[in-house]
Structures are given as C-alpha cells and as structure tokens.
Amino acid sequence: MGREMQNKPEGTLYIVSTPIGNLEDITLRALRVLKEVDLIAAEDTRRTRQLLTHFGIQKPLISYHEHNERMRENSLLEKLREGKNVALVTDAGTPGISDPGETLIRRAVREKITLVPIPGPAAAMAALSVAGLPTDRFLFYGFLPSRSEARKKLLDGLRRRPETLVFYESPRRLPSLLEEAREIFGNRQVAVARELTKVYEEIRRGSLEEVLTKIEQDEIKGEVTVVMAGNTDEASIDSRTIREALREYRKISGVSWKEAVERVTENLGAPKREVYREGLKMKEEMEKRE
C-alpha cells in the first residue's frame, strides 16, 4: 500500500489522468494508484477495462458519466465516507476538464473529503506545446456551442482577448468554426491538432484561411484541438480607422456599402464582422441625418 493510502476515517478521491491515445503516456504513479484503490469510477468501463487489462490491473469498476453523474455521486461519496479509496478516470485525459467529474469533485470539496490529483496527459496542453503560438498566457474554452449563432456570439466576446485561445471541436463542425473565426477575428494564425499521440497524429499550422483551405481538401477524422492566436496590439484596428477607410472608399470609389466592407476587410486585415458592424452604424447614422 502506497504512502498516500494510509488508514484514516475517510477515503481519498484520486483524480487520475489517463492516456489520450498512446498507452505509454500513463505515469508510474497513475498505475500504482489504480492498483491500490478499492474502486475505479470510469466514464466508459469497457475502455477503462482495456487500459487496466493492458497493464495487468484487476479492480472493481463502476460507470460514472454525464448521464448518471447525480445517481452515482451519492454512492461514491458514501464509499469515501466509509474509508474506501476511489480513483476517478475518464476515457482519456484529465477528469473534470471538459469531461465528467466536475460535480463530484465539487461535492467532495464541500464535504471535506481528501482529493489527490494524479497529473498526466491532456489534449489541450499537448496541442498548445507544439502549436508554435505564445504559451505564456492562454485561455482554454473546451467545447464550443454546437449551434452557429451561439458559437459566433461567444467568439465575438473573445475577439479582443490577447491570450492564445484553445478549443476542442468535432471534425464535423471544424470547418464552420474556422470560417466563423476568420470572419470575427480576421486571418489569425492557428494550429489544428488531431488524433494527438495516436498513429495518425497530425498538426496543421498557418493562417485561418490557409488551414481552412487544407481541411476543406481533406476529410478530417478523429478528436480535434484548435489553438488560435489571441488579439495583439499590432493587429488591433480601432473603429475610427475602420470608419475613415469606409468613408474614403464610399467617397472616392462610389461603391456600395457591401463592396466597401469587402475592400476595407481585405486591405486593413480587420475582422469582417467588425468592419460590417461599423459600416452598419455609419449607414444608420447617415439615414437618420437625411
């Protein structure tokens, strides 16, 4: 029995990170804890059983996932109160990070049950480490809304954030996300990582436009992590500059508002959504004066 699992009135809840693909990424400490606990709560018992079998570990397993969280939490907390040690694992990565576990962990904290993190693989950290973008400050946002309008609203709220942005996304929605990001953020740098640590691991880097072109040509499969550059002072273009450019195009070229927006977006490299917003305000102001 490891030093961490000494006898005490209440058990310990271990938050155990497991490989996101390559089984060699599991830590020696994680293996020891999984061998020593009394019970393992797993997102998918079949997948966890495969992991345990690979390393010759035999332990009682119960399912704990988004559809039975509330039902399972009471029984898990009761076992912890009885002095049982429990390991919480997900299909891959760190429990509670865009995976089941957050509510159980919160309840354990409230009830003053000992929690011990067993760190290890996380797709967000793996992708960020090889994206080639700033890592001193980053904002992890997990899975974005599935509906386009909700996703655009969220992205619009992030467009001025200077931190590198990290998202999880499905292959099916990836083209829509990149297109919407290009419209709202402008043509920022991005890295799209798929199937990290697995046989078909692939990382595509470039501008949003370049990466979007690449993925439209090839079918994207597997789990995807998107790392996107944040807003920088150099890339920031204030509304006054945008308005002056729109006014010049309208005055000199006599083009439509739509055409002016297109030209200013292209020439300034500003987010199309922002240029459109300023153009709409200018148009409404002019109509009120007439």
C-alpha atoms as a PDB file:
ATOM      1  CA  MET A   1       0.000   0.000   0.000  1.00  0.00           C
ATOM      2  CA  GLY A   2       1.480   3.343  -1.058  1.00  0.00           C
ATOM      3  CA  ARG A   3       2.344   6.045   1.437  1.00  0.00           C
ATOM      4  CA  GLU A   4      -0.580   8.121   0.098  1.00  0.00           C
ATOM      5  CA  MET A   5      -3.138   5.480   1.137  1.00  0.00           C
ATOM      6  CA  GLN A   6      -2.647   5.186   4.864  1.00  0.00           C
ATOM      7  CA  ASN A   7      -5.596   4.156   7.028  1.00  0.00           C
ATOM      8  CA  LYS A   8      -7.850   7.047   8.008  1.00  0.00           C
ATOM      9  CA  PRO A   9     -11.551   7.554   8.824  1.00  0.00           C
ATOM     10  CA  GLU A  10     -12.421   8.671   5.299  1.00  0.00           C
ATOM     11  CA  GLY A  11     -11.141   7.535   1.953  1.00  0.00           C
ATOM     12  CA  THR A  12      -9.391   9.592  -0.692  1.00  0.00           C
ATOM     13  CA  LEU A  13     -10.712  10.510  -4.132  1.00  0.00           C
ATOM     14  CA  TYR A  14      -7.904  10.287  -6.698  1.00  0.00           C
ATOM     15  CA  ILE A  15      -8.329  12.263  -9.925  1.00  0.00           C
ATOM     16  CA  VAL A  16      -6.299  10.106 -12.286  1.00  0.00           C
ATOM     17  CA  SER A  17      -5.230  11.294 -15.736  1.00  0.00           C
ATOM     18  CA  THR A  18      -5.047   8.551 -18.365  1.00  0.00           C
ATOM     19  CA  PRO A  19      -3.528   8.477 -21.887  1.00  0.00           C
ATOM     20  CA  ILE A  20      -5.254  10.402 -24.669  1.00  0.00           C
ATOM     21  CA  GLY A  21      -4.045   7.835 -27.182  1.00  0.00           C
ATOM     22  CA  ASN A  22      -0.619   6.336 -26.632  1.00  0.00           C
ATOM     23  CA  LEU A  23      -0.713   3.981 -23.626  1.00  0.00           C
ATOM     24  CA  GLU A  24       2.967   4.651 -22.949  1.00  0.00           C
ATOM     25  CA  ASP A  25       1.975   8.112 -21.688  1.00  0.00           C
ATOM     26  CA  ILE A  26       0.479   6.793 -18.461  1.00  0.00           C
ATOM     27  CA  THR A  27       2.598   7.632 -15.414  1.00  0.00           C
ATOM     28  CA  LEU A  28       4.081   5.146 -12.967  1.00  0.00           C
ATOM     29  CA  ARG A  29       2.216   6.901 -10.178  1.00  0.00           C
ATOM     30  CA  ALA A  30      -1.107   6.567 -12.008  1.00  0.00           C
ATOM     31  CA  LEU A  31      -0.518   2.828 -12.432  1.00  0.00           C
ATOM     32  CA  ARG A  32       0.316   2.416  -8.744  1.00  0.00           C
ATOM     33  CA  VAL A  33      -2.777   4.315  -7.636  1.00  0.00           C
ATOM     34  CA  LEU A  34      -5.035   2.304  -9.945  1.00  0.00           C
ATOM     35  CA  LYS A  35      -3.596  -0.895  -8.478  1.00  0.00           C
ATOM     36  CA  GLU A  36      -4.090   0.230  -4.873  1.00  0.00           C
ATOM     37  CA  VAL A  37      -7.525   1.882  -4.786  1.00  0.00           C
ATOM     38  CA  ASP A  38     -10.614  -0.031  -3.701  1.00  0.00           C
ATOM     39  CA  LEU A  39     -12.768   1.120  -6.623  1.00  0.00           C
ATOM     40  CA  ILE A  40     -12.411   2.839 -10.002  1.00  0.00           C
ATOM     41  CA  ALA A  41     -15.182   5.098 -11.323  1.00  0.00           C
ATOM     42  CA  ALA A  42     -14.852   5.278 -15.130  1.00  0.00           C
ATOM     43  CA  GLU A  43     -16.576   7.226 -17.881  1.00  0.00           C
ATOM     44  CA  ASP A  44     -16.698   4.072 -20.016  1.00  0.00           C
ATOM     45  CA  THR A  45     -15.972   0.846 -18.145  1.00  0.00           C
ATOM     46  CA  ARG A  46     -15.219  -1.011 -21.377  1.00  0.00           C
ATOM     47  CA  ARG A  47     -12.457   1.398 -22.412  1.00  0.00           C
ATOM     48  CA  THR A  48     -11.017   1.569 -18.920  1.00  0.00           C
ATOM     49  CA  ARG A  49     -11.084  -2.222 -18.660  1.00  0.00           C
ATOM     50  CA  GLN A  50      -8.930  -2.373 -21.809  1.00  0.00           C
ATOM     51  CA  LEU A  51      -6.444   0.011 -20.204  1.00  0.00           C
ATOM     52  CA  LEU A  52      -6.362  -1.944 -16.958  1.00  0.00           C
ATOM     53  CA  THR A  53      -6.024  -5.276 -18.742  1.00  0.00           C
ATOM     54  CA  HIS A  54      -3.094  -3.936 -20.784  1.00  0.00           C
ATOM     55  CA  PHE A  55      -1.236  -3.182 -17.541  1.00  0.00           C
ATOM     56  CA  GLY A  56      -2.406  -6.281 -15.672  1.00  0.00           C
ATOM     57  CA  ILE A  57      -4.617  -4.429 -13.188  1.00  0.00           C
ATOM     58  CA  GLN A  58      -7.782  -6.021 -11.790  1.00  0.00           C
ATOM     59  CA  LYS A  59     -10.036  -3.728  -9.802  1.00  0.00           C
ATOM     60  CA  PRO A  60     -13.806  -3.262  -9.352  1.00  0.00           C
ATOM     61  CA  LEU A  61     -15.195  -0.820 -11.933  1.00  0.00           C
ATOM     62  CA  ILE A  62     -18.383   1.236 -11.961  1.00  0.00           C
ATOM     63  CA  SER A  63     -19.568   3.655 -14.639  1.00  0.00           C
ATOM     64  CA  TYR A  64     -19.591   7.393 -13.986  1.00  0.00           C
ATOM     65  CA  HIS A  65     -20.568   9.562 -16.957  1.00  0.00           C
ATOM     66  CA  GLU A  66     -22.639  12.604 -17.870  1.00  0.00           C
ATOM     67  CA  HIS A  67     -25.893  10.622 -17.941  1.00  0.00           C
ATOM     68  CA  ASN A  68     -25.614   9.044 -14.479  1.00  0.00           C
ATOM     69  CA  GLU A  69     -23.469  11.556 -12.575  1.00  0.00           C
ATOM     70  CA  ARG A  70     -26.069  12.500  -9.980  1.00  0.00           C
ATOM     71  CA  MET A  71     -27.132   8.934  -9.325  1.00  0.00           C
ATOM     72  CA  ARG A  72     -23.546   7.718  -8.892  1.00  0.00           C
ATOM     73  CA  GLU A  73     -22.258  10.622  -6.793  1.00  0.00           C
ATOM     74  CA  ASN A  74     -24.202   9.684  -3.667  1.00  0.00           C
ATOM     75  CA  SER A  75     -22.938   6.092  -3.704  1.00  0.00           C
ATOM     76  CA  LEU A  76     -19.338   7.158  -4.423  1.00  0.00           C
ATOM     77  CA  LEU A  77     -19.373   9.715  -1.615  1.00  0.00           C
ATOM     78  CA  GLU A  78     -20.807   7.110   0.750  1.00  0.00           C
ATOM     79  CA  LYS A  79     -17.975   4.708  -0.067  1.00  0.00           C
ATOM     80  CA  LEU A  80     -15.454   7.505   0.516  1.00  0.00           C
ATOM     81  CA  ARG A  81     -17.033   8.248   3.912  1.00  0.00           C
ATOM     82  CA  GLU A  82     -16.700   4.549   4.748  1.00  0.00           C
ATOM     83  CA  GLY A  83     -12.947   4.806   4.204  1.00  0.00           C
ATOM     84  CA  LYS A  84     -12.747   3.409   0.676  1.00  0.00           C
ATOM     85  CA  ASN A  85     -10.222   4.907  -1.726  1.00  0.00           C
ATOM     86  CA  VAL A  86     -11.688   5.735  -5.148  1.00  0.00           C
ATOM     87  CA  ALA A  87      -9.986   6.586  -8.454  1.00  0.00           C
ATOM     88  CA  LEU A  88     -11.894   8.696 -10.951  1.00  0.00           C
ATOM     89  CA  VAL A  89     -10.893   8.293 -14.617  1.00  0.00           C
ATOM     90  CA  THR A  90     -12.338   9.316 -17.968  1.00  0.00           C
ATOM     91  CA  ASP A  91     -11.936   7.794 -21.417  1.00  0.00           C
ATOM     92  CA  ALA A  92      -8.833   9.907 -21.992  1.00  0.00           C
ATOM     93  CA  GLY A  93      -7.061  12.801 -20.331  1.00  0.00           C
ATOM     94  CA  THR A  94      -7.858  14.517 -17.046  1.00  0.00           C
ATOM     95  CA  PRO A  95     -11.253  14.068 -15.336  1.00  0.00           C
ATOM     96  CA  GLY A  96     -13.281  17.247 -14.939  1.00  0.00           C
ATOM     97  CA  ILE A  97     -11.525  19.053 -17.817  1.00  0.00           C
ATOM     98  CA  SER A  98     -14.264  19.046 -20.471  1.00  0.00           C
ATOM     99  CA  ASP A  99     -15.033  15.544 -19.164  1.00  0.00           C
ATOM    100  CA  PRO A 100     -17.231  14.115 -16.394  1.00  0.00           C
ATOM    101  CA  GLY A 101     -16.082  14.663 -12.810  1.00  0.00           C
ATOM    102  CA  GLU A 102     -16.541  18.346 -12.041  1.00  0.00           C
ATOM    103  CA  THR A 103     -19.707  17.977  -9.932  1.00  0.00           C
ATOM    104  CA  LEU A 104     -18.346  15.010  -7.963  1.00  0.00           C
ATOM    105  CA  ILE A 105     -15.151  16.929  -7.227  1.00  0.00           C
ATOM    106  CA  ARG A 106     -17.130  19.953  -6.044  1.00  0.00           C
ATOM    107  CA  ARG A 107     -19.229  17.843  -3.703  1.00  0.00           C
ATOM    108  CA  ALA A 108     -16.124  16.140  -2.335  1.00  0.00           C
ATOM    109  CA  VAL A 109     -14.595  19.553  -1.633  1.00  0.00           C
ATOM    110  CA  ARG A 110     -17.734  20.704   0.175  1.00  0.00           C
ATOM    111  CA  GLU A 111     -17.738  17.558   2.305  1.00  0.00           C
ATOM    112  CA  LYS A 112     -14.023  17.988   3.070  1.00  0.00           C
ATOM    113  CA  ILE A 113     -13.086  14.656   1.507  1.00  0.00           C
ATOM    114  CA  THR A 114      -9.412  14.440   0.574  1.00  0.00           C
ATOM    115  CA  LEU A 115      -8.746  14.858  -3.141  1.00  0.00           C
ATOM    116  CA  VAL A 116      -5.418  13.974  -4.749  1.00  0.00           C
ATOM    117  CA  PRO A 117      -4.601  14.871  -8.369  1.00  0.00           C
ATOM    118  CA  ILE A 118      -2.596  12.331 -10.350  1.00  0.00           C
ATOM    119  CA  PRO A 119      -1.469  14.524 -13.266  1.00  0.00           C
ATOM    120  CA  GLY A 120      -0.827  13.306 -16.754  1.00  0.00           C
ATOM    121  CA  PRO A 121      -1.951  13.699 -20.363  1.00  0.00           C
ATOM    122  CA  ALA A 122      -4.292  16.485 -21.514  1.00  0.00           C
ATOM    123  CA  ALA A 123      -5.025  17.197 -25.182  1.00  0.00           C
ATOM    124  CA  ALA A 124      -5.157  20.965 -24.622  1.00  0.00           C
ATOM    125  CA  MET A 125      -1.662  21.082 -23.111  1.00  0.00           C
ATOM    126  CA  ALA A 126      -0.229  18.722 -25.720  1.00  0.00           C
ATOM    127  CA  ALA A 127      -1.608  20.814 -28.605  1.00  0.00           C
ATOM    128  CA  LEU A 128      -0.541  24.106 -27.038  1.00  0.00           C
ATOM    129  CA  SER A 129       3.022  22.858 -26.552  1.00  0.00           C
ATOM    130  CA  VAL A 130       3.517  22.256 -30.298  1.00  0.00           C
ATOM    131  CA  ALA A 131       1.272  24.938 -31.812  1.00  0.00           C
ATOM    132  CA  GLY A 132       4.069  27.468 -32.247  1.00  0.00           C
ATOM    133  CA  LEU A 133       1.940  30.209 -30.649  1.00  0.00           C
ATOM    134  CA  PRO A 134       2.516  32.159 -27.396  1.00  0.00           C
ATOM    135  CA  THR A 135       2.147  29.969 -24.314  1.00  0.00           C
ATOM    136  CA  ASP A 136       2.792  32.492 -21.519  1.00  0.00           C
ATOM    137  CA  ARG A 137      -0.931  33.294 -21.407  1.00  0.00           C
ATOM    138  CA  PHE A 138      -3.703  31.159 -22.808  1.00  0.00           C
ATOM    139  CA  LEU A 139      -7.455  30.719 -22.412  1.00  0.00           C
ATOM    140  CA  PHE A 140      -8.855  27.184 -22.521  1.00  0.00           C
ATOM    141  CA  TYR A 141     -12.500  27.161 -23.523  1.00  0.00           C
ATOM    142  CA  GLY A 142     -13.185  23.461 -24.048  1.00  0.00           C
ATOM    143  CA  PHE A 143     -16.058  22.564 -26.363  1.00  0.00           C
ATOM    144  CA  LEU A 144     -17.821  25.453 -28.074  1.00  0.00           C
ATOM    145  CA  PRO A 145     -21.614  25.619 -28.551  1.00  0.00           C
ATOM    146  CA  SER A 146     -22.863  23.348 -31.327  1.00  0.00           C
ATOM    147  CA  ARG A 147     -25.226  25.964 -32.775  1.00  0.00           C
ATOM    148  CA  SER A 148     -23.660  28.522 -35.107  1.00  0.00           C
ATOM    149  CA  GLU A 149     -25.297  31.634 -33.664  1.00  0.00           C
ATOM    150  CA  ALA A 150     -24.333  30.764 -30.096  1.00  0.00           C
ATOM    151  CA  ARG A 151     -20.803  29.952 -31.250  1.00  0.00           C
ATOM    152  CA  LYS A 152     -20.468  33.267 -33.100  1.00  0.00           C
ATOM    153  CA  LYS A 153     -21.684  35.178 -30.059  1.00  0.00           C
ATOM    154  CA  LEU A 154     -19.087  33.506 -27.876  1.00  0.00           C
ATOM    155  CA  LEU A 155     -16.291  34.090 -30.397  1.00  0.00           C
ATOM    156  CA  ASP A 156     -17.316  37.732 -30.706  1.00  0.00           C
ATOM    157  CA  GLY A 157     -16.855  38.082 -26.962  1.00  0.00           C
ATOM    158  CA  LEU A 158     -13.331  36.663 -27.265  1.00  0.00           C
ATOM    159  CA  ARG A 159     -12.105  38.673 -30.247  1.00  0.00           C
ATOM    160  CA  ARG A 160     -10.215  41.259 -28.187  1.00  0.00           C
ATOM    161  CA  ARG A 161      -8.696  38.793 -25.725  1.00  0.00           C
ATOM    162  CA  PRO A 162      -4.873  38.823 -26.008  1.00  0.00           C
ATOM    163  CA  GLU A 163      -4.410  35.264 -24.755  1.00  0.00           C
ATOM    164  CA  THR A 164      -3.850  32.298 -27.055  1.00  0.00           C
ATOM    165  CA  LEU A 165      -7.204  30.507 -27.347  1.00  0.00           C
ATOM    166  CA  VAL A 166      -7.623  26.736 -27.030  1.00  0.00           C
ATOM    167  CA  PHE A 167     -10.783  24.881 -28.064  1.00  0.00           C
ATOM    168  CA  TYR A 168     -11.992  21.325 -28.506  1.00  0.00           C
ATOM    169  CA  GLU A 169     -14.135  20.684 -31.595  1.00  0.00           C
ATOM    170  CA  SER A 170     -15.652  17.847 -33.566  1.00  0.00           C
ATOM    171  CA  PRO A 171     -14.316  17.148 -37.077  1.00  0.00           C
ATOM    172  CA  ARG A 172     -17.792  17.816 -38.491  1.00  0.00           C
ATOM    173  CA  ARG A 173     -18.019  21.344 -37.059  1.00  0.00           C
ATOM    174  CA  LEU A 174     -14.347  22.267 -37.545  1.00  0.00           C
ATOM    175  CA  PRO A 175     -14.769  23.998 -40.951  1.00  0.00           C
ATOM    176  CA  SER A 176     -17.636  26.115 -39.578  1.00  0.00           C
ATOM    177  CA  LEU A 177     -15.585  27.139 -36.540  1.00  0.00           C
ATOM    178  CA  LEU A 178     -12.589  28.207 -38.638  1.00  0.00           C
ATOM    179  CA  GLU A 179     -14.796  30.113 -41.087  1.00  0.00           C
ATOM    180  CA  GLU A 180     -16.590  31.934 -38.279  1.00  0.00           C
ATOM    181  CA  ALA A 181     -13.285  32.692 -36.535  1.00  0.00           C
ATOM    182  CA  ARG A 182     -11.873  34.160 -39.756  1.00  0.00           C
ATOM    183  CA  GLU A 183     -14.953  36.337 -40.111  1.00  0.00           C
ATOM    184  CA  ILE A 184     -14.851  37.551 -36.495  1.00  0.00           C
ATOM    185  CA  PHE A 185     -11.118  37.588 -35.658  1.00  0.00           C
ATOM    186  CA  GLY A 186      -9.571  38.233 -39.037  1.00  0.00           C
ATOM    187  CA  ASN A 187      -6.961  35.978 -40.605  1.00  0.00           C
ATOM    188  CA  ARG A 188      -5.136  34.957 -37.404  1.00  0.00           C
ATOM    189  CA  GLN A 189      -2.613  32.173 -37.010  1.00  0.00           C
ATOM    190  CA  VAL A 190      -3.989  28.818 -35.911  1.00  0.00           C
ATOM    191  CA  ALA A 191      -2.889  25.244 -35.259  1.00  0.00           C
ATOM    192  CA  VAL A 192      -5.312  22.352 -35.657  1.00  0.00           C
ATOM    193  CA  ALA A 193      -4.176  19.157 -33.936  1.00  0.00           C
ATOM    194  CA  ARG A 194      -5.982  15.878 -34.440  1.00  0.00           C
ATOM    195  CA  GLU A 195      -5.502  12.381 -33.027  1.00  0.00           C
ATOM    196  CA  LEU A 196      -2.740  13.566 -30.685  1.00  0.00           C
ATOM    197  CA  THR A 197      -0.320  10.827 -29.559  1.00  0.00           C
ATOM    198  CA  LYS A 198      -2.057   8.300 -31.827  1.00  0.00           C
ATOM    199  CA  VAL A 199      -0.856   6.626 -35.033  1.00  0.00           C
ATOM    200  CA  TYR A 200      -2.397   9.247 -37.315  1.00  0.00           C
ATOM    201  CA  GLU A 201      -1.399  12.297 -35.266  1.00  0.00           C
ATOM    202  CA  GLU A 202      -1.393  15.424 -37.414  1.00  0.00           C
ATOM    203  CA  ILE A 203      -0.888  19.139 -36.738  1.00  0.00           C
ATOM    204  CA  ARG A 204      -1.753  21.757 -39.345  1.00  0.00           C
ATOM    205  CA  ARG A 205      -0.443  25.273 -38.819  1.00  0.00           C
ATOM    206  CA  GLY A 206      -0.913  28.511 -40.704  1.00  0.00           C
ATOM    207  CA  SER A 207      -3.385  31.343 -41.045  1.00  0.00           C
ATOM    208  CA  LEU A 208      -7.084  30.589 -40.592  1.00  0.00           C
ATOM    209  CA  GLU A 209      -7.515  30.919 -44.341  1.00  0.00           C
ATOM    210  CA  GLU A 210      -4.633  28.552 -45.129  1.00  0.00           C
ATOM    211  CA  VAL A 211      -5.714  25.882 -42.646  1.00  0.00           C
ATOM    212  CA  LEU A 212      -9.345  26.158 -43.724  1.00  0.00           C
ATOM    213  CA  THR A 213      -8.295  25.544 -47.334  1.00  0.00           C
ATOM    214  CA  LYS A 214      -6.275  22.490 -46.285  1.00  0.00           C
ATOM    215  CA  ILE A 215      -9.052  20.843 -44.284  1.00  0.00           C
ATOM    216  CA  GLU A 216     -11.637  21.522 -46.993  1.00  0.00           C
ATOM    217  CA  GLN A 217      -9.476  19.484 -49.354  1.00  0.00           C
ATOM    218  CA  ASP A 218      -9.034  16.560 -46.950  1.00  0.00           C
ATOM    219  CA  GLU A 219     -11.535  14.768 -44.749  1.00  0.00           C
ATOM    220  CA  ILE A 220     -10.756  15.368 -41.088  1.00  0.00           C
ATOM    221  CA  LYS A 221     -11.311  12.486 -38.689  1.00  0.00           C
ATOM    222  CA  GLY A 222     -10.663  11.935 -35.003  1.00  0.00           C
ATOM    223  CA  GLU A 223     -10.587  14.201 -31.979  1.00  0.00           C
ATOM    224  CA  VAL A 224      -9.554  17.795 -32.707  1.00  0.00           C
ATOM    225  CA  THR A 225      -7.908  20.507 -30.613  1.00  0.00           C
ATOM    226  CA  VAL A 226      -7.733  24.041 -32.028  1.00  0.00           C
ATOM    227  CA  VAL A 227      -5.112  26.540 -30.816  1.00  0.00           C
ATOM    228  CA  MET A 228      -5.650  30.081 -32.085  1.00  0.00           C
ATOM    229  CA  ALA A 229      -3.616  33.272 -31.730  1.00  0.00           C
ATOM    230  CA  GLY A 230      -5.093  35.927 -29.475  1.00  0.00           C
ATOM    231  CA  ASN A 231      -5.559  39.596 -30.271  1.00  0.00           C
ATOM    232  CA  THR A 232      -2.371  41.665 -30.291  1.00  0.00           C
ATOM    233  CA  ASP A 233      -1.832  45.416 -30.140  1.00  0.00           C
ATOM    234  CA  GLU A 234      -0.178  45.296 -33.552  1.00  0.00           C
ATOM    235  CA  ALA A 235      -3.194  43.559 -35.092  1.00  0.00           C
ATOM    236  CA  SER A 236      -5.774  45.691 -33.292  1.00  0.00           C
ATOM    237  CA  ILE A 237      -7.507  48.205 -35.542  1.00  0.00           C
ATOM    238  CA  ASP A 238      -9.734  50.745 -33.819  1.00  0.00           C
ATOM    239  CA  SER A 239     -13.210  51.722 -35.034  1.00  0.00           C
ATOM    240  CA  ARG A 240     -12.034  55.198 -36.070  1.00  0.00           C
ATOM    241  CA  THR A 241      -9.542  53.751 -38.560  1.00  0.00           C
ATOM    242  CA  ILE A 242     -12.185  51.419 -39.978  1.00  0.00           C
ATOM    243  CA  ARG A 243     -14.696  54.259 -40.337  1.00  0.00           C
ATOM    244  CA  GLU A 244     -12.185  56.508 -42.087  1.00  0.00           C
ATOM    245  CA  ALA A 245     -11.357  53.739 -44.557  1.00  0.00           C
ATOM    246  CA  LEU A 246     -15.041  53.030 -45.243  1.00  0.00           C
ATOM    247  CA  ARG A 247     -15.710  56.735 -45.752  1.00  0.00           C
ATOM    248  CA  GLU A 248     -12.843  57.030 -48.242  1.00  0.00           C
ATOM    249  CA  TYR A 249     -13.975  54.022 -50.297  1.00  0.00           C
ATOM    250  CA  ARG A 250     -17.532  55.316 -50.411  1.00  0.00           C
ATOM    251  CA  LYS A 251     -16.444  58.854 -51.324  1.00  0.00           C
ATOM    252  CA  ILE A 252     -13.712  58.141 -53.869  1.00  0.00           C
ATOM    253  CA  SER A 253     -14.876  54.887 -55.460  1.00  0.00           C
ATOM    254  CA  GLY A 254     -18.592  55.326 -55.093  1.00  0.00           C
ATOM    255  CA  VAL A 255     -19.005  51.644 -54.241  1.00  0.00           C
ATOM    256  CA  SER A 256     -21.840  50.084 -52.266  1.00  0.00           C
ATOM    257  CA  TRP A 257     -21.629  49.547 -48.523  1.00  0.00           C
ATOM    258  CA  LYS A 258     -21.163  45.835 -49.118  1.00  0.00           C
ATOM    259  CA  GLU A 259     -18.278  46.412 -51.519  1.00  0.00           C
ATOM    260  CA  ALA A 260     -16.700  48.966 -49.152  1.00  0.00           C
ATOM    261  CA  VAL A 261     -16.825  46.451 -46.305  1.00  0.00           C
ATOM    262  CA  GLU A 262     -15.175  43.807 -48.503  1.00  0.00           C
ATOM    263  CA  ARG A 263     -12.362  46.142 -49.583  1.00  0.00           C
ATOM    264  CA  VAL A 264     -11.642  47.516 -46.101  1.00  0.00           C
ATOM    265  CA  THR A 265     -11.605  43.991 -44.652  1.00  0.00           C
ATOM    266  CA  GLU A 266      -9.091  42.900 -47.274  1.00  0.00           C
ATOM    267  CA  ASN A 267      -6.848  45.986 -47.166  1.00  0.00           C
ATOM    268  CA  LEU A 268      -6.742  46.513 -43.403  1.00  0.00           C
ATOM    269  CA  GLY A 269      -6.772  42.834 -42.487  1.00  0.00           C
ATOM    270  CA  ALA A 270      -9.520  43.654 -39.987  1.00  0.00           C
ATOM    271  CA  PRO A 271     -12.186  41.152 -38.913  1.00  0.00           C
ATOM    272  CA  LYS A 272     -15.034  41.286 -41.414  1.00  0.00           C
ATOM    273  CA  ARG A 273     -17.628  41.180 -38.640  1.00  0.00           C
ATOM    274  CA  GLU A 274     -16.105  44.292 -37.038  1.00  0.00           C
ATOM    275  CA  VAL A 275     -15.937  46.193 -40.339  1.00  0.00           C
ATOM    276  CA  TYR A 276     -19.532  45.218 -41.114  1.00  0.00           C
ATOM    277  CA  ARG A 277     -20.645  46.400 -37.670  1.00  0.00           C
ATOM    278  CA  GLU A 278     -19.001  49.821 -38.138  1.00  0.00           C
ATOM    279  CA  GLY A 279     -20.373  50.120 -41.654  1.00  0.00           C
ATOM    280  CA  LEU A 280     -23.880  49.367 -40.417  1.00  0.00           C
ATOM    281  CA  LYS A 281     -23.573  52.038 -37.715  1.00  0.00           C
ATOM    282  CA  MET A 282     -22.362  54.592 -40.264  1.00  0.00           C
ATOM    283  CA  LYS A 283     -25.196  53.761 -42.642  1.00  0.00           C
ATOM    284  CA  GLU A 284     -27.809  54.113 -39.893  1.00  0.00           C
ATOM    285  CA  GLU A 285     -26.293  57.442 -38.770  1.00  0.00           C
ATOM    286  CA  MET A 286     -26.421  58.783 -42.336  1.00  0.00           C
ATOM    287  CA  GLU A 287     -30.022  57.694 -42.787  1.00  0.00           C
ATOM    288  CA  LYS A 288     -31.036  59.480 -39.582  1.00  0.00           C
ATOM    289  CA  ARG A 289     -29.444  62.728 -40.816  1.00  0.00           C
ATOM    290  CA  GLU A 290     -31.232  62.601 -44.164  1.00  0.00           C
END
